[in-house]
Amino acid sequence: MDRTFFVISALSGALAVALGAFAAHGLRGRLTPQSLATFETGVRYLMYHALALIGVAWAVTRWPTTNLPAIGGWLMVTGMVFFSGSLILFAFTGVSWLGAIAPIGGMAFILGWLCLAVAAWRG
C-alpha cells in the first residue's frame, strides 16, 4: 500500500507541475483572471496533497495495525479528484455544476487529514 501512495504522489506531483507550467505559459490572456485564479487554486491543492501522500505512504508503514492511514490516503486521493479536478475543469469550461463538486473534495481532504491525526494519536 505504501508503494501505491508513493506512486500516486509522484504522478500527482508531476501533473501539478505540468499544469502549473501550462497556466504560467499557456493560459494567461486565455482565461479571465478569476478563472485563472480558480485553476491555480486547484493546482495548488493538487500539489499540497501530492506531497501529503508521501507522508501517507510513510504512515501506512509506521502504523500497520490500523487502516486509518490508508483510509486517509484514499480520502486525499478522492479530494484531489473532486476538489482539484472540478476547479481545474470549471476554470476551462465555466460549467457551474462543477463548482458544486469542489466541497465534496474539500470534505474528503479534511476527513483524510483527520484519519491521519487519529492514527498518529493512537500510534
PDB file of N, CA and C in Angstrom:
ATOM      1  N   MET A   1       0.819  -1.195   0.000  1.00  0.00           N
ATOM      2  CA  MET A   1       0.000   0.000   0.000  1.00  0.00           C
ATOM      3  C   MET A   1       0.864   1.259   0.000  1.00  0.00           C
ATOM      4  N   ASP A   2       1.990   1.221   0.721  1.00  0.00           N
ATOM      5  CA  ASP A   2       2.846   2.394   0.766  1.00  0.00           C
ATOM      6  C   ASP A   2       3.371   2.760  -0.618  1.00  0.00           C
ATOM      7  N   ARG A   3       3.697   1.746  -1.412  1.00  0.00           N
ATOM      8  CA  ARG A   3       4.190   1.992  -2.766  1.00  0.00           C
ATOM      9  C   ARG A   3       3.103   2.634  -3.628  1.00  0.00           C
ATOM     10  N   THR A   4       1.864   2.180  -3.454  1.00  0.00           N
ATOM     11  CA  THR A   4       0.747   2.736  -4.213  1.00  0.00           C
ATOM     12  C   THR A   4       0.611   4.226  -3.938  1.00  0.00           C
ATOM     13  N   PHE A   5       0.635   4.608  -2.670  1.00  0.00           N
ATOM     14  CA  PHE A   5       0.504   6.028  -2.337  1.00  0.00           C
ATOM     15  C   PHE A   5       1.700   6.827  -2.821  1.00  0.00           C
ATOM     16  N   PHE A   6       2.880   6.236  -2.784  1.00  0.00           N
ATOM     17  CA  PHE A   6       4.060   6.957  -3.263  1.00  0.00           C
ATOM     18  C   PHE A   6       3.973   7.184  -4.770  1.00  0.00           C
ATOM     19  N   VAL A   7       3.519   6.173  -5.514  1.00  0.00           N
ATOM     20  CA  VAL A   7       3.368   6.320  -6.967  1.00  0.00           C
ATOM     21  C   VAL A   7       2.314   7.373  -7.294  1.00  0.00           C
ATOM     22  N   ILE A   8       1.168   7.321  -6.610  1.00  0.00           N
ATOM     23  CA  ILE A   8       0.133   8.330  -6.833  1.00  0.00           C
ATOM     24  C   ILE A   8       0.672   9.714  -6.499  1.00  0.00           C
ATOM     25  N   SER A   9       1.451   9.811  -5.425  1.00  0.00           N
ATOM     26  CA  SER A   9       2.060  11.074  -5.034  1.00  0.00           C
ATOM     27  C   SER A   9       2.961  11.611  -6.144  1.00  0.00           C
ATOM     28  N   ALA A  10       3.832  10.774  -6.639  1.00  0.00           N
ATOM     29  CA  ALA A  10       4.785  11.209  -7.662  1.00  0.00           C
ATOM     30  C   ALA A  10       4.078  11.620  -8.950  1.00  0.00           C
ATOM     31  N   LEU A  11       3.110  10.842  -9.372  1.00  0.00           N
ATOM     32  CA  LEU A  11       2.384  11.174 -10.598  1.00  0.00           C
ATOM     33  C   LEU A  11       1.556  12.448 -10.424  1.00  0.00           C
ATOM     34  N   SER A  12       0.948  12.608  -9.263  1.00  0.00           N
ATOM     35  CA  SER A  12       0.169  13.814  -8.998  1.00  0.00           C
ATOM     36  C   SER A  12       1.060  15.044  -8.930  1.00  0.00           C
ATOM     37  N   GLY A  13       2.235  14.891  -8.331  1.00  0.00           N
ATOM     38  CA  GLY A  13       3.186  15.996  -8.293  1.00  0.00           C
ATOM     39  C   GLY A  13       3.632  16.403  -9.686  1.00  0.00           C
ATOM     40  N   ALA A  14       3.912  15.417 -10.527  1.00  0.00           N
ATOM     41  CA  ALA A  14       4.302  15.706 -11.909  1.00  0.00           C
ATOM     42  C   ALA A  14       3.172  16.419 -12.650  1.00  0.00           C
ATOM     43  N   LEU A  15       1.944  15.946 -12.438  1.00  0.00           N
ATOM     44  CA  LEU A  15       0.795  16.588 -13.077  1.00  0.00           C
ATOM     45  C   LEU A  15       0.625  18.023 -12.599  1.00  0.00           C
ATOM     46  N   ALA A  16       0.799  18.250 -11.305  1.00  0.00           N
ATOM     47  CA  ALA A  16       0.666  19.605 -10.763  1.00  0.00           C
ATOM     48  C   ALA A  16       1.708  20.544 -11.356  1.00  0.00           C
ATOM     49  N   VAL A  17       2.941  20.072 -11.495  1.00  0.00           N
ATOM     50  CA  VAL A  17       3.991  20.902 -12.095  1.00  0.00           C
ATOM     51  C   VAL A  17       3.649  21.198 -13.554  1.00  0.00           C
ATOM     52  N   ALA A  18       3.216  20.190 -14.287  1.00  0.00           N
ATOM     53  CA  ALA A  18       2.867  20.382 -15.698  1.00  0.00           C
ATOM     54  C   ALA A  18       1.703  21.371 -15.841  1.00  0.00           C
ATOM     55  N   LEU A  19       0.687  21.214 -15.004  1.00  0.00           N
ATOM     56  CA  LEU A  19      -0.453  22.129 -15.064  1.00  0.00           C
ATOM     57  C   LEU A  19      -0.056  23.545 -14.654  1.00  0.00           C
ATOM     58  N   GLY A  20       0.810  23.658 -13.664  1.00  0.00           N
ATOM     59  CA  GLY A  20       1.293  24.976 -13.256  1.00  0.00           C
ATOM     60  C   GLY A  20       2.064  25.665 -14.367  1.00  0.00           C
ATOM     61  N   ALA A  21       2.911  24.912 -15.045  1.00  0.00           N
ATOM     62  CA  ALA A  21       3.664  25.472 -16.174  1.00  0.00           C
ATOM     63  C   ALA A  21       2.719  25.868 -17.305  1.00  0.00           C
ATOM     64  N   PHE A  22       1.727  25.031 -17.544  1.00  0.00           N
ATOM     65  CA  PHE A  22       0.731  25.338 -18.574  1.00  0.00           C
ATOM     66  C   PHE A  22      -0.004  26.633 -18.242  1.00  0.00           C
ATOM     67  N   ALA A  23      -0.341  26.807 -16.971  1.00  0.00           N
ATOM     68  CA  ALA A  23      -1.025  28.032 -16.552  1.00  0.00           C
ATOM     69  C   ALA A  23      -0.130  29.248 -16.759  1.00  0.00           C
ATOM     70  N   ALA A  24       1.125  29.105 -16.368  1.00  0.00           N
ATOM     71  CA  ALA A  24       2.053  30.239 -16.446  1.00  0.00           C
ATOM     72  C   ALA A  24       2.367  30.635 -17.889  1.00  0.00           C
ATOM     73  N   HIS A  25       2.424  29.651 -18.768  1.00  0.00           N
ATOM     74  CA  HIS A  25       2.877  29.942 -20.131  1.00  0.00           C
ATOM     75  C   HIS A  25       1.789  29.863 -21.191  1.00  0.00           C
ATOM     76  N   GLY A  26       0.700  29.180 -20.899  1.00  0.00           N
ATOM     77  CA  GLY A  26      -0.292  28.992 -21.949  1.00  0.00           C
ATOM     78  C   GLY A  26      -1.668  29.538 -21.664  1.00  0.00           C
ATOM     79  N   LEU A  27      -1.940  29.913 -20.424  1.00  0.00           N
ATOM     80  CA  LEU A  27      -3.305  30.330 -20.100  1.00  0.00           C
ATOM     81  C   LEU A  27      -3.465  31.821 -19.874  1.00  0.00           C
ATOM     82  N   ARG A  28      -2.400  32.520 -19.591  1.00  0.00           N
ATOM     83  CA  ARG A  28      -2.520  33.971 -19.377  1.00  0.00           C
ATOM     84  C   ARG A  28      -3.089  34.600 -20.652  1.00  0.00           C
ATOM     85  N   GLY A  29      -4.125  35.373 -20.480  1.00  0.00           N
ATOM     86  CA  GLY A  29      -4.762  36.009 -21.625  1.00  0.00           C
ATOM     87  C   GLY A  29      -5.847  35.167 -22.257  1.00  0.00           C
ATOM     88  N   ARG A  30      -5.871  33.874 -21.958  1.00  0.00           N
ATOM     89  CA  ARG A  30      -6.902  32.991 -22.499  1.00  0.00           C
ATOM     90  C   ARG A  30      -8.039  32.765 -21.520  1.00  0.00           C
ATOM     91  N   LEU A  31      -7.726  32.907 -20.231  1.00  0.00           N
ATOM     92  CA  LEU A  31      -8.741  32.781 -19.184  1.00  0.00           C
ATOM     93  C   LEU A  31      -8.892  34.123 -18.492  1.00  0.00           C
ATOM     94  N   THR A  32     -10.056  34.349 -17.933  1.00  0.00           N
ATOM     95  CA  THR A  32     -10.244  35.560 -17.131  1.00  0.00           C
ATOM     96  C   THR A  32      -9.350  35.443 -15.898  1.00  0.00           C
ATOM     97  N   PRO A  33      -9.020  36.556 -15.280  1.00  0.00           N
ATOM     98  CA  PRO A  33      -8.220  36.482 -14.047  1.00  0.00           C
ATOM     99  C   PRO A  33      -8.875  35.604 -12.975  1.00  0.00           C
ATOM    100  N   GLN A  34     -10.192  35.667 -12.874  1.00  0.00           N
ATOM    101  CA  GLN A  34     -10.889  34.839 -11.885  1.00  0.00           C
ATOM    102  C   GLN A  34     -10.778  33.355 -12.230  1.00  0.00           C
ATOM    103  N   SER A  35     -10.937  33.005 -13.500  1.00  0.00           N
ATOM    104  CA  SER A  35     -10.806  31.596 -13.904  1.00  0.00           C
ATOM    105  C   SER A  35      -9.380  31.108 -13.721  1.00  0.00           C
ATOM    106  N   LEU A  36      -8.412  31.959 -14.002  1.00  0.00           N
ATOM    107  CA  LEU A  36      -7.010  31.588 -13.799  1.00  0.00           C
ATOM    108  C   LEU A  36      -6.728  31.359 -12.316  1.00  0.00           C
ATOM    109  N   ALA A  37      -7.283  32.196 -11.454  1.00  0.00           N
ATOM    110  CA  ALA A  37      -7.110  32.017 -10.005  1.00  0.00           C
ATOM    111  C   ALA A  37      -7.747  30.709  -9.542  1.00  0.00           C
ATOM    112  N   THR A  38      -8.901  30.378 -10.092  1.00  0.00           N
ATOM    113  CA  THR A  38      -9.565  29.107  -9.762  1.00  0.00           C
ATOM    114  C   THR A  38      -8.701  27.940 -10.205  1.00  0.00           C
ATOM    115  N   PHE A  39      -8.172  28.010 -11.409  1.00  0.00           N
ATOM    116  CA  PHE A  39      -7.291  26.969 -11.938  1.00  0.00           C
ATOM    117  C   PHE A  39      -6.079  26.804 -11.018  1.00  0.00           C
ATOM    118  N   GLU A  40      -5.456  27.917 -10.651  1.00  0.00           N
ATOM    119  CA  GLU A  40      -4.262  27.866  -9.807  1.00  0.00           C
ATOM    120  C   GLU A  40      -4.564  27.303  -8.418  1.00  0.00           C
ATOM    121  N   THR A  41      -5.745  27.585  -7.879  1.00  0.00           N
ATOM    122  CA  THR A  41      -6.135  27.005  -6.593  1.00  0.00           C
ATOM    123  C   THR A  41      -6.232  25.489  -6.711  1.00  0.00           C
ATOM    124  N   GLY A  42      -6.847  25.007  -7.773  1.00  0.00           N
ATOM    125  CA  GLY A  42      -6.933  23.560  -7.986  1.00  0.00           C
ATOM    126  C   GLY A  42      -5.564  22.914  -8.084  1.00  0.00           C
ATOM    127  N   VAL A  43      -4.662  23.542  -8.816  1.00  0.00           N
ATOM    128  CA  VAL A  43      -3.305  23.001  -8.979  1.00  0.00           C
ATOM    129  C   VAL A  43      -2.538  23.052  -7.658  1.00  0.00           C
ATOM    130  N   ARG A  44      -2.702  24.126  -6.910  1.00  0.00           N
ATOM    131  CA  ARG A  44      -2.010  24.265  -5.624  1.00  0.00           C
ATOM    132  C   ARG A  44      -2.428  23.160  -4.652  1.00  0.00           C
ATOM    133  N   TYR A  45      -3.722  22.914  -4.542  1.00  0.00           N
ATOM    134  CA  TYR A  45      -4.196  21.864  -3.646  1.00  0.00           C
ATOM    135  C   TYR A  45      -3.808  20.474  -4.150  1.00  0.00           C
ATOM    136  N   LEU A  46      -3.708  20.316  -5.456  1.00  0.00           N
ATOM    137  CA  LEU A  46      -3.215  19.059  -6.006  1.00  0.00           C
ATOM    138  C   LEU A  46      -1.780  18.821  -5.542  1.00  0.00           C
ATOM    139  N   MET A  47      -0.948  19.852  -5.598  1.00  0.00           N
ATOM    140  CA  MET A  47       0.450  19.709  -5.173  1.00  0.00           C
ATOM    141  C   MET A  47       0.550  19.496  -3.673  1.00  0.00           C
ATOM    142  N   TYR A  48      -0.218  20.246  -2.884  1.00  0.00           N
ATOM    143  CA  TYR A  48      -0.182  20.046  -1.434  1.00  0.00           C
ATOM    144  C   TYR A  48      -0.455  18.586  -1.092  1.00  0.00           C
ATOM    145  N   HIS A  49      -1.452  18.035  -1.727  1.00  0.00           N
ATOM    146  CA  HIS A  49      -1.852  16.674  -1.364  1.00  0.00           C
ATOM    147  C   HIS A  49      -0.995  15.612  -2.049  1.00  0.00           C
ATOM    148  N   ALA A  50      -0.352  15.973  -3.153  1.00  0.00           N
ATOM    149  CA  ALA A  50       0.659  15.074  -3.717  1.00  0.00           C
ATOM    150  C   ALA A  50       1.782  14.899  -2.696  1.00  0.00           C
ATOM    151  N   LEU A  51       2.201  15.997  -2.096  1.00  0.00           N
ATOM    152  CA  LEU A  51       3.240  15.928  -1.061  1.00  0.00           C
ATOM    153  C   LEU A  51       2.735  15.199   0.178  1.00  0.00           C
ATOM    154  N   ALA A  52       1.495  15.451   0.543  1.00  0.00           N
ATOM    155  CA  ALA A  52       0.926  14.787   1.719  1.00  0.00           C
ATOM    156  C   ALA A  52       0.896  13.269   1.551  1.00  0.00           C
ATOM    157  N   LEU A  53       0.697  12.799   0.332  1.00  0.00           N
ATOM    158  CA  LEU A  53       0.651  11.351   0.108  1.00  0.00           C
ATOM    159  C   LEU A  53       1.987  10.673   0.380  1.00  0.00           C
ATOM    160  N   ILE A  54       3.081  11.411   0.325  1.00  0.00           N
ATOM    161  CA  ILE A  54       4.369  10.838   0.739  1.00  0.00           C
ATOM    162  C   ILE A  54       4.298  10.523   2.228  1.00  0.00           C
ATOM    163  N   GLY A  55       3.722  11.442   2.992  1.00  0.00           N
ATOM    164  CA  GLY A  55       3.517  11.192   4.422  1.00  0.00           C
ATOM    165  C   GLY A  55       2.576  10.037   4.673  1.00  0.00           C
ATOM    166  N   VAL A  56       1.559   9.912   3.848  1.00  0.00           N
ATOM    167  CA  VAL A  56       0.629   8.783   3.973  1.00  0.00           C
ATOM    168  C   VAL A  56       1.365   7.472   3.721  1.00  0.00           C
ATOM    169  N   ALA A  57       2.211   7.448   2.694  1.00  0.00           N
ATOM    170  CA  ALA A  57       2.985   6.232   2.405  1.00  0.00           C
ATOM    171  C   ALA A  57       3.825   5.837   3.620  1.00  0.00           C
ATOM    172  N   TRP A  58       4.425   6.813   4.260  1.00  0.00           N
ATOM    173  CA  TRP A  58       5.204   6.541   5.470  1.00  0.00           C
ATOM    174  C   TRP A  58       4.292   6.072   6.603  1.00  0.00           C
ATOM    175  N   ALA A  59       3.151   6.735   6.792  1.00  0.00           N
ATOM    176  CA  ALA A  59       2.243   6.407   7.893  1.00  0.00           C
ATOM    177  C   ALA A  59       1.686   4.991   7.768  1.00  0.00           C
ATOM    178  N   VAL A  60       1.474   4.548   6.545  1.00  0.00           N
ATOM    179  CA  VAL A  60       0.973   3.187   6.326  1.00  0.00           C
ATOM    180  C   VAL A  60       1.964   2.168   6.879  1.00  0.00           C
ATOM    181  N   THR A  61       3.250   2.440   6.729  1.00  0.00           N
ATOM    182  CA  THR A  61       4.262   1.514   7.252  1.00  0.00           C
ATOM    183  C   THR A  61       4.522   1.747   8.731  1.00  0.00           C
ATOM    184  N   ARG A  62       4.324   2.972   9.199  1.00  0.00           N
ATOM    185  CA  ARG A  62       4.582   3.315  10.611  1.00  0.00           C
ATOM    186  C   ARG A  62       3.539   2.712  11.538  1.00  0.00           C
ATOM    187  N   TRP A  63       2.287   2.714  11.106  1.00  0.00           N
ATOM    188  CA  TRP A  63       1.183   2.194  11.927  1.00  0.00           C
ATOM    189  C   TRP A  63       0.441   1.096  11.155  1.00  0.00           C
ATOM    190  N   PRO A  64       1.086  -0.046  10.973  1.00  0.00           N
ATOM    191  CA  PRO A  64       0.499  -1.104  10.136  1.00  0.00           C
ATOM    192  C   PRO A  64      -0.699  -1.815  10.765  1.00  0.00           C
ATOM    193  N   THR A  65      -0.949  -1.599  12.051  1.00  0.00           N
ATOM    194  CA  THR A  65      -2.052  -2.308  12.707  1.00  0.00           C
ATOM    195  C   THR A  65      -3.395  -1.597  12.539  1.00  0.00           C
ATOM    196  N   THR A  66      -3.391  -0.431  11.881  1.00  0.00           N
ATOM    197  CA  THR A  66      -4.635   0.296  11.650  1.00  0.00           C
ATOM    198  C   THR A  66      -4.762   0.639  10.168  1.00  0.00           C
ATOM    199  N   ASN A  67      -5.989   0.684   9.702  1.00  0.00           N
ATOM    200  CA  ASN A  67      -6.245   1.078   8.316  1.00  0.00           C
ATOM    201  C   ASN A  67      -6.421   2.576   8.155  1.00  0.00           C
ATOM    202  N   LEU A  68      -6.369   3.314   9.252  1.00  0.00           N
ATOM    203  CA  LEU A  68      -6.641   4.755   9.183  1.00  0.00           C
ATOM    204  C   LEU A  68      -5.719   5.518   8.234  1.00  0.00           C
ATOM    205  N   PRO A  69      -4.415   5.259   8.205  1.00  0.00           N
ATOM    206  CA  PRO A  69      -3.591   5.986   7.239  1.00  0.00           C
ATOM    207  C   PRO A  69      -4.006   5.706   5.788  1.00  0.00           C
ATOM    208  N   ALA A  70      -4.308   4.457   5.486  1.00  0.00           N
ATOM    209  CA  ALA A  70      -4.729   4.126   4.117  1.00  0.00           C
ATOM    210  C   ALA A  70      -6.074   4.768   3.798  1.00  0.00           C
ATOM    211  N   ILE A  71      -6.991   4.733   4.738  1.00  0.00           N
ATOM    212  CA  ILE A  71      -8.287   5.380   4.521  1.00  0.00           C
ATOM    213  C   ILE A  71      -8.073   6.877   4.298  1.00  0.00           C
ATOM    214  N   GLY A  72      -7.220   7.485   5.130  1.00  0.00           N
ATOM    215  CA  GLY A  72      -6.904   8.894   4.960  1.00  0.00           C
ATOM    216  C   GLY A  72      -6.289   9.191   3.601  1.00  0.00           C
ATOM    217  N   GLY A  73      -5.416   8.307   3.155  1.00  0.00           N
ATOM    218  CA  GLY A  73      -4.791   8.481   1.849  1.00  0.00           C
ATOM    219  C   GLY A  73      -5.806   8.420   0.720  1.00  0.00           C
ATOM    220  N   TRP A  74      -6.705   7.448   0.789  1.00  0.00           N
ATOM    221  CA  TRP A  74      -7.719   7.344  -0.268  1.00  0.00           C
ATOM    222  C   TRP A  74      -8.683   8.515  -0.230  1.00  0.00           C
ATOM    223  N   LEU A  75      -8.955   9.029   0.965  1.00  0.00           N
ATOM    224  CA  LEU A  75      -9.781  10.238   1.049  1.00  0.00           C
ATOM    225  C   LEU A  75      -9.063  11.425   0.411  1.00  0.00           C
ATOM    226  N   MET A  76      -7.752  11.513   0.604  1.00  0.00           N
ATOM    227  CA  MET A  76      -6.999  12.588  -0.039  1.00  0.00           C
ATOM    228  C   MET A  76      -7.006  12.447  -1.554  1.00  0.00           C
ATOM    229  N   VAL A  77      -6.859  11.220  -2.038  1.00  0.00           N
ATOM    230  CA  VAL A  77      -6.926  10.990  -3.486  1.00  0.00           C
ATOM    231  C   VAL A  77      -8.305  11.409  -4.004  1.00  0.00           C
ATOM    232  N   THR A  78      -9.340  11.054  -3.264  1.00  0.00           N
ATOM    233  CA  THR A  78     -10.695  11.461  -3.640  1.00  0.00           C
ATOM    234  C   THR A  78     -10.799  12.983  -3.679  1.00  0.00           C
ATOM    235  N   GLY A  79     -10.232  13.643  -2.689  1.00  0.00           N
ATOM    236  CA  GLY A  79     -10.229  15.102  -2.670  1.00  0.00           C
ATOM    237  C   GLY A  79      -9.485  15.691  -3.852  1.00  0.00           C
ATOM    238  N   MET A  80      -8.392  15.061  -4.226  1.00  0.00           N
ATOM    239  CA  MET A  80      -7.617  15.546  -5.372  1.00  0.00           C
ATOM    240  C   MET A  80      -8.463  15.501  -6.640  1.00  0.00           C
ATOM    241  N   VAL A  81      -9.205  14.423  -6.800  1.00  0.00           N
ATOM    242  CA  VAL A  81     -10.039  14.285  -7.993  1.00  0.00           C
ATOM    243  C   VAL A  81     -11.210  15.265  -7.942  1.00  0.00           C
ATOM    244  N   PHE A  82     -11.939  15.268  -6.826  1.00  0.00           N
ATOM    245  CA  PHE A  82     -13.156  16.069  -6.750  1.00  0.00           C
ATOM    246  C   PHE A  82     -12.876  17.559  -6.560  1.00  0.00           C
ATOM    247  N   PHE A  83     -11.965  17.921  -5.668  1.00  0.00           N
ATOM    248  CA  PHE A  83     -11.685  19.338  -5.422  1.00  0.00           C
ATOM    249  C   PHE A  83     -10.837  19.911  -6.551  1.00  0.00           C
ATOM    250  N   SER A  84      -9.622  19.387  -6.679  1.00  0.00           N
ATOM    251  CA  SER A  84      -8.714  19.939  -7.688  1.00  0.00           C
ATOM    252  C   SER A  84      -9.261  19.740  -9.093  1.00  0.00           C
ATOM    253  N   GLY A  85      -9.728  18.543  -9.354  1.00  0.00           N
ATOM    254  CA  GLY A  85     -10.240  18.257 -10.697  1.00  0.00           C
ATOM    255  C   GLY A  85     -11.406  19.142 -11.087  1.00  0.00           C
ATOM    256  N   SER A  86     -12.348  19.331 -10.168  1.00  0.00           N
ATOM    257  CA  SER A  86     -13.514  20.150 -10.506  1.00  0.00           C
ATOM    258  C   SER A  86     -13.126  21.617 -10.697  1.00  0.00           C
ATOM    259  N   LEU A  87     -12.204  22.131  -9.884  1.00  0.00           N
ATOM    260  CA  LEU A  87     -11.787  23.525 -10.055  1.00  0.00           C
ATOM    261  C   LEU A  87     -11.057  23.726 -11.377  1.00  0.00           C
ATOM    262  N   ILE A  88     -10.201  22.799 -11.730  1.00  0.00           N
ATOM    263  CA  ILE A  88      -9.462  22.910 -12.991  1.00  0.00           C
ATOM    264  C   ILE A  88     -10.425  22.844 -14.175  1.00  0.00           C
ATOM    265  N   LEU A  89     -11.338  21.895 -14.145  1.00  0.00           N
ATOM    266  CA  LEU A  89     -12.318  21.792 -15.230  1.00  0.00           C
ATOM    267  C   LEU A  89     -13.252  22.996 -15.269  1.00  0.00           C
ATOM    268  N   PHE A  90     -13.667  23.465 -14.095  1.00  0.00           N
ATOM    269  CA  PHE A  90     -14.535  24.643 -14.033  1.00  0.00           C
ATOM    270  C   PHE A  90     -13.856  25.859 -14.653  1.00  0.00           C
ATOM    271  N   ALA A  91     -12.562  26.030 -14.381  1.00  0.00           N
ATOM    272  CA  ALA A  91     -11.825  27.170 -14.938  1.00  0.00           C
ATOM    273  C   ALA A  91     -11.857  27.152 -16.461  1.00  0.00           C
ATOM    274  N   PHE A  92     -11.774  25.969 -17.056  1.00  0.00           N
ATOM    275  CA  PHE A  92     -11.780  25.850 -18.514  1.00  0.00           C
ATOM    276  C   PHE A  92     -13.166  25.951 -19.119  1.00  0.00           C
ATOM    277  N   THR A  93     -14.132  25.347 -18.460  1.00  0.00           N
ATOM    278  CA  THR A  93     -15.444  25.203 -19.084  1.00  0.00           C
ATOM    279  C   THR A  93     -16.471  26.217 -18.610  1.00  0.00           C
ATOM    280  N   GLY A  94     -16.350  26.690 -17.376  1.00  0.00           N
ATOM    281  CA  GLY A  94     -17.353  27.574 -16.813  1.00  0.00           C
ATOM    282  C   GLY A  94     -18.654  26.864 -16.461  1.00  0.00           C
ATOM    283  N   VAL A  95     -18.655  25.534 -16.535  1.00  0.00           N
ATOM    284  CA  VAL A  95     -19.851  24.759 -16.209  1.00  0.00           C
ATOM    285  C   VAL A  95     -20.090  24.864 -14.703  1.00  0.00           C
ATOM    286  N   SER A  96     -21.194  25.472 -14.330  1.00  0.00           N
ATOM    287  CA  SER A  96     -21.406  25.841 -12.929  1.00  0.00           C
ATOM    288  C   SER A  96     -21.536  24.659 -11.980  1.00  0.00           C
ATOM    289  N   TRP A  97     -22.085  23.534 -12.431  1.00  0.00           N
ATOM    290  CA  TRP A  97     -22.264  22.414 -11.507  1.00  0.00           C
ATOM    291  C   TRP A  97     -20.927  21.835 -11.062  1.00  0.00           C
ATOM    292  N   LEU A  98     -19.869  22.085 -11.801  1.00  0.00           N
ATOM    293  CA  LEU A  98     -18.551  21.616 -11.367  1.00  0.00           C
ATOM    294  C   LEU A  98     -18.127  22.296 -10.073  1.00  0.00           C
ATOM    295  N   GLY A  99     -18.537  23.545  -9.897  1.00  0.00           N
ATOM    296  CA  GLY A  99     -18.225  24.251  -8.657  1.00  0.00           C
ATOM    297  C   GLY A  99     -18.899  23.625  -7.449  1.00  0.00           C
ATOM    298  N   ALA A 100     -20.019  22.953  -7.678  1.00  0.00           N
ATOM    299  CA  ALA A 100     -20.737  22.305  -6.577  1.00  0.00           C
ATOM    300  C   ALA A 100     -20.057  21.015  -6.124  1.00  0.00           C
ATOM    301  N   ILE A 101     -19.174  20.483  -6.936  1.00  0.00           N
ATOM    302  CA  ILE A 101     -18.459  19.251  -6.589  1.00  0.00           C
ATOM    303  C   ILE A 101     -17.275  19.532  -5.665  1.00  0.00           C
ATOM    304  N   ALA A 102     -16.698  20.711  -5.784  1.00  0.00           N
ATOM    305  CA  ALA A 102     -15.494  21.048  -5.014  1.00  0.00           C
ATOM    306  C   ALA A 102     -15.665  20.841  -3.511  1.00  0.00           C
ATOM    307  N   PRO A 103     -16.786  21.212  -2.897  1.00  0.00           N
ATOM    308  CA  PRO A 103     -16.909  20.993  -1.449  1.00  0.00           C
ATOM    309  C   PRO A 103     -16.861  19.512  -1.044  1.00  0.00           C
ATOM    310  N   ILE A 104     -17.287  18.628  -1.919  1.00  0.00           N
ATOM    311  CA  ILE A 104     -17.175  17.189  -1.632  1.00  0.00           C
ATOM    312  C   ILE A 104     -15.701  16.824  -1.507  1.00  0.00           C
ATOM    313  N   GLY A 105     -14.903  17.324  -2.438  1.00  0.00           N
ATOM    314  CA  GLY A 105     -13.463  17.088  -2.375  1.00  0.00           C
ATOM    315  C   GLY A 105     -12.828  17.729  -1.166  1.00  0.00           C
ATOM    316  N   GLY A 106     -13.273  18.934  -0.817  1.00  0.00           N
ATOM    317  CA  GLY A 106     -12.754  19.604   0.368  1.00  0.00           C
ATOM    318  C   GLY A 106     -13.041  18.811   1.631  1.00  0.00           C
ATOM    319  N   MET A 107     -14.241  18.254   1.723  1.00  0.00           N
ATOM    320  CA  MET A 107     -14.587  17.432   2.880  1.00  0.00           C
ATOM    321  C   MET A 107     -13.740  16.158   2.901  1.00  0.00           C
ATOM    322  N   ALA A 108     -13.485  15.587   1.738  1.00  0.00           N
ATOM    323  CA  ALA A 108     -12.626  14.400   1.677  1.00  0.00           C
ATOM    324  C   ALA A 108     -11.218  14.737   2.168  1.00  0.00           C
ATOM    325  N   PHE A 109     -10.695  15.911   1.788  1.00  0.00           N
ATOM    326  CA  PHE A 109      -9.389  16.338   2.290  1.00  0.00           C
ATOM    327  C   PHE A 109      -9.394  16.413   3.815  1.00  0.00           C
ATOM    328  N   ILE A 110     -10.396  17.084   4.362  1.00  0.00           N
ATOM    329  CA  ILE A 110     -10.469  17.257   5.816  1.00  0.00           C
ATOM    330  C   ILE A 110     -10.535  15.904   6.516  1.00  0.00           C
ATOM    331  N   LEU A 111     -11.389  15.025   6.030  1.00  0.00           N
ATOM    332  CA  LEU A 111     -11.515  13.697   6.650  1.00  0.00           C
ATOM    333  C   LEU A 111     -10.221  12.896   6.527  1.00  0.00           C
ATOM    334  N   GLY A 112      -9.531  13.048   5.406  1.00  0.00           N
ATOM    335  CA  GLY A 112      -8.250  12.370   5.229  1.00  0.00           C
ATOM    336  C   GLY A 112      -7.230  12.814   6.258  1.00  0.00           C
ATOM    337  N   TRP A 113      -7.134  14.121   6.469  1.00  0.00           N
ATOM    338  CA  TRP A 113      -6.208  14.645   7.480  1.00  0.00           C
ATOM    339  C   TRP A 113      -6.605  14.169   8.868  1.00  0.00           C
ATOM    340  N   LEU A 114      -7.900  14.139   9.151  1.00  0.00           N
ATOM    341  CA  LEU A 114      -8.348  13.676  10.467  1.00  0.00           C
ATOM    342  C   LEU A 114      -8.028  12.200  10.683  1.00  0.00           C
ATOM    343  N   CYS A 115      -8.137  11.394   9.647  1.00  0.00           N
ATOM    344  CA  CYS A 115      -7.754   9.978   9.767  1.00  0.00           C
ATOM    345  C   CYS A 115      -6.280   9.856  10.144  1.00  0.00           C
ATOM    346  N   LEU A 116      -5.436  10.670   9.527  1.00  0.00           N
ATOM    347  CA  LEU A 116      -4.012  10.639   9.863  1.00  0.00           C
ATOM    348  C   LEU A 116      -3.780  11.085  11.296  1.00  0.00           C
ATOM    349  N   ALA A 117      -4.507  12.094  11.734  1.00  0.00           N
ATOM    350  CA  ALA A 117      -4.355  12.576  13.103  1.00  0.00           C
ATOM    351  C   ALA A 117      -4.743  11.496  14.117  1.00  0.00           C
ATOM    352  N   VAL A 118      -5.851  10.822  13.858  1.00  0.00           N
ATOM    353  CA  VAL A 118      -6.303   9.765  14.781  1.00  0.00           C
ATOM    354  C   VAL A 118      -5.304   8.610  14.778  1.00  0.00           C
ATOM    355  N   ALA A 119      -4.793   8.242  13.604  1.00  0.00           N
ATOM    356  CA  ALA A 119      -3.802   7.162  13.529  1.00  0.00           C
ATOM    357  C   ALA A 119      -2.563   7.514  14.352  1.00  0.00           C
ATOM    358  N   ALA A 120      -2.106   8.750  14.219  1.00  0.00           N
ATOM    359  CA  ALA A 120      -0.929   9.169  14.979  1.00  0.00           C
ATOM    360  C   ALA A 120      -1.219   9.222  16.475  1.00  0.00           C
ATOM    361  N   TRP A 121      -2.389   9.712  16.836  1.00  0.00           N
ATOM    362  CA  TRP A 121      -2.769   9.816  18.245  1.00  0.00           C
ATOM    363  C   TRP A 121      -2.804   8.444  18.903  1.00  0.00           C
ATOM    364  N   ARG A 122      -3.381   7.484  18.191  1.00  0.00           N
ATOM    365  CA  ARG A 122      -3.497   6.128  18.731  1.00  0.00           C
ATOM    366  C   ARG A 122      -2.162   5.404  18.697  1.00  0.00           C
ATOM    367  N   GLY A 123      -1.309   5.800  17.711  1.00  0.00           N
ATOM    368  CA  GLY A 123       0.006   5.261  17.496  1.00  0.00           C
ATOM    369  C   GLY A 123       0.248   3.933  18.013  1.00  0.00           C
TER     370      GLY A 123
END
